[in-house]
Amino acid sequence: MAAMSDTPRPIAGVLDWPWLWPAARLALVSAYLIGGVQKLADFPGAIAEQAHFGLQPAALWAVAAIAVELIGSLLVVFNRLVWLGAGGLGVLTFVAMLTANDFWHMQGHDRFMALNAFFEHLGLIAGLVLVSVMSWRARRA
């Protein structure tokens, strides 16, 4: 891929690195992979987490979260059905945003922290959309 004229040569070299795209996909979903493995290793804890956020039946939500985190992440990492994997992770993240980061019910420092986390999760959803777009465009080319 040719570098654009406004891209410095060292940066273009990094952007052309063949392992950058797979590494970026892995980094994007790394928290989901770790979270899914941790929930699987401590299933009672995963159920308690879902119950804490008012998601019932908690066991069903825990199973769904584990499945989406692990299967969705692997789809993104292996660049297969990325739209499905990233879409599932995006929906899971959206649900988590609304339940765990409900800053509109908080005040003071708790509100500040939840507001930041809410918009960090929104940025993560945007990253999942971007990885889907990039994968789709690469397959079309």
Protein backbone atom coordinates (compact mmCIF):
# COMPACT_ATOMS: atom_id res chain seq x y z
CA MET A 1 0.00 0.00 0.00
CA ALA A 2 1.46 3.37 -0.97
CA ALA A 3 1.83 6.00 1.72
CA MET A 4 -0.18 9.18 1.37
CA SER A 5 1.87 12.31 0.91
CA ASP A 6 0.94 13.64 4.35
CA THR A 7 2.01 10.45 6.15
CA PRO A 8 5.62 10.45 7.38
CA ARG A 9 7.63 7.54 6.02
CA PRO A 10 8.26 5.90 9.44
CA ILE A 11 4.55 6.01 10.21
CA ALA A 12 3.71 4.60 6.76
CA GLY A 13 6.15 1.78 7.48
CA VAL A 14 4.34 0.92 10.69
CA LEU A 15 0.94 1.13 8.99
CA ASP A 16 2.20 -1.25 6.28
CA TRP A 17 3.43 -3.78 8.84
CA PRO A 18 1.58 -7.01 7.97
CA TRP A 19 0.86 -7.96 11.60
CA LEU A 20 -0.56 -4.57 12.61
CA TRP A 21 -4.15 -5.39 11.53
CA PRO A 22 -4.30 -8.75 13.37
CA ALA A 23 -2.59 -7.23 16.44
CA ALA A 24 -5.06 -4.34 16.50
CA ARG A 25 -8.03 -6.73 16.29
CA LEU A 26 -6.61 -8.80 19.16
CA ALA A 27 -5.98 -5.69 21.26
CA LEU A 28 -9.50 -4.41 20.59
CA VAL A 29 -11.14 -7.57 21.96
CA SER A 30 -8.56 -8.46 24.62
CA ALA A 31 -10.71 -7.25 27.54
CA TYR A 32 -13.61 -9.38 26.27
CA LEU A 33 -11.40 -12.46 25.95
CA ILE A 34 -10.05 -12.02 29.47
CA GLY A 35 -13.53 -11.27 30.82
CA GLY A 36 -15.05 -14.32 29.16
CA VAL A 37 -12.32 -16.63 30.47
CA GLN A 38 -12.63 -15.16 33.98
CA LYS A 39 -16.41 -15.56 33.97
CA LEU A 40 -16.05 -19.13 32.74
CA ALA A 41 -13.50 -19.91 35.48
CA ASP A 42 -15.73 -18.36 38.17
CA PHE A 43 -19.27 -18.99 36.97
CA PRO A 44 -20.88 -18.26 40.38
CA GLY A 45 -19.08 -14.91 40.33
CA ALA A 46 -20.36 -14.26 36.81
CA ILE A 47 -23.91 -14.94 37.97
CA ALA A 48 -23.43 -12.63 40.95
CA GLU A 49 -22.14 -9.89 38.64
CA GLN A 50 -25.24 -10.10 36.44
CA ALA A 51 -27.52 -10.10 39.48
CA HIS A 52 -25.66 -7.08 40.92
CA PHE A 53 -26.62 -5.10 37.82
CA GLY A 54 -30.23 -6.27 37.96
CA LEU A 55 -30.07 -8.59 34.94
CA GLN A 56 -32.42 -11.52 35.51
CA PRO A 57 -32.33 -14.43 35.18
CA ALA A 58 -28.73 -13.86 36.15
CA ALA A 59 -27.48 -17.32 35.12
CA LEU A 60 -28.88 -16.88 31.61
CA TRP A 61 -27.26 -13.45 31.30
CA ALA A 62 -23.97 -14.90 32.54
CA VAL A 63 -24.03 -17.66 29.93
CA ALA A 64 -24.92 -15.14 27.22
CA ALA A 65 -22.12 -12.80 28.29
CA ILE A 66 -19.55 -15.61 28.27
CA ALA A 67 -20.67 -16.85 24.85
CA VAL A 68 -20.69 -13.39 23.29
CA GLU A 69 -17.35 -12.40 24.84
CA LEU A 70 -15.54 -15.55 23.74
CA ILE A 71 -17.19 -16.35 20.40
CA GLY A 72 -17.47 -12.72 19.34
CA SER A 73 -13.84 -12.05 20.20
CA LEU A 74 -12.63 -15.10 18.29
CA LEU A 75 -14.61 -14.07 15.21
CA VAL A 76 -12.93 -10.65 15.31
CA VAL A 77 -9.45 -12.07 15.99
CA PHE A 78 -9.68 -14.62 13.16
CA ASN A 79 -11.28 -12.03 10.84
CA ARG A 80 -14.33 -14.22 10.11
CA LEU A 81 -17.89 -12.90 10.31
CA VAL A 82 -16.43 -9.81 11.96
CA TRP A 83 -19.74 -7.98 11.65
CA LEU A 84 -21.37 -10.69 13.79
CA GLY A 85 -18.64 -10.91 16.42
CA ALA A 86 -18.16 -7.16 16.72
CA GLY A 87 -21.92 -6.60 16.59
CA GLY A 88 -22.51 -9.00 19.46
CA LEU A 89 -19.73 -7.40 21.48
CA GLY A 90 -21.15 -3.96 20.70
CA VAL A 91 -24.63 -4.92 21.90
CA LEU A 92 -23.16 -6.50 25.05
CA THR A 93 -21.15 -3.33 25.67
CA PHE A 94 -24.22 -1.15 25.13
CA VAL A 95 -26.21 -3.16 27.69
CA ALA A 96 -23.28 -2.89 30.12
CA MET A 97 -23.09 0.88 29.53
CA LEU A 98 -26.71 1.35 30.45
CA THR A 99 -26.67 -0.92 33.50
CA ALA A 100 -23.22 -0.39 35.03
CA ASN A 101 -22.57 3.24 34.10
CA ASP A 102 -25.91 4.90 34.79
CA PHE A 103 -24.30 8.26 35.60
CA TRP A 104 -27.70 9.99 35.32
CA HIS A 105 -28.59 8.43 38.70
CA MET A 106 -25.37 9.48 40.43
CA GLN A 107 -23.75 12.53 41.94
CA GLY A 108 -20.27 13.74 42.75
CA HIS A 109 -17.23 11.58 42.10
CA ASP A 110 -19.31 8.47 41.34
CA ARG A 111 -21.10 10.39 38.59
CA PHE A 112 -17.77 11.59 37.18
CA MET A 113 -16.35 8.06 37.08
CA ALA A 114 -19.51 6.52 35.58
CA LEU A 115 -19.75 9.29 32.96
CA ASN A 116 -16.15 8.64 31.88
CA ALA A 117 -16.71 4.88 31.76
CA PHE A 118 -19.93 5.38 29.77
CA PHE A 119 -18.15 7.34 27.06
CA GLU A 120 -15.13 5.02 27.08
CA HIS A 121 -17.55 2.17 26.33
CA LEU A 122 -19.14 4.27 23.59
CA GLY A 123 -15.68 4.70 22.06
CA LEU A 124 -15.14 0.95 22.28
CA ILE A 125 -18.40 0.39 20.40
CA ALA A 126 -17.15 2.81 17.73
CA GLY A 127 -13.94 0.76 17.49
CA LEU A 128 -16.00 -2.38 16.97
CA VAL A 129 -17.93 -0.63 14.20
CA LEU A 130 -14.67 0.46 12.59
CA VAL A 131 -13.17 -3.04 12.68
CA SER A 132 -16.34 -4.32 11.00
CA VAL A 133 -16.12 -1.65 8.30
CA MET A 134 -12.43 -2.31 7.67
CA SER A 135 -12.94 -6.07 7.45
CA TRP A 136 -15.93 -5.67 5.12
CA ARG A 137 -14.04 -3.27 2.83
CA ALA A 138 -10.97 -5.53 2.73
CA ARG A 139 -13.13 -8.50 1.71
CA ARG A 140 -14.84 -6.45 -1.00
CA ALA A 141 -11.53 -5.26 -2.47
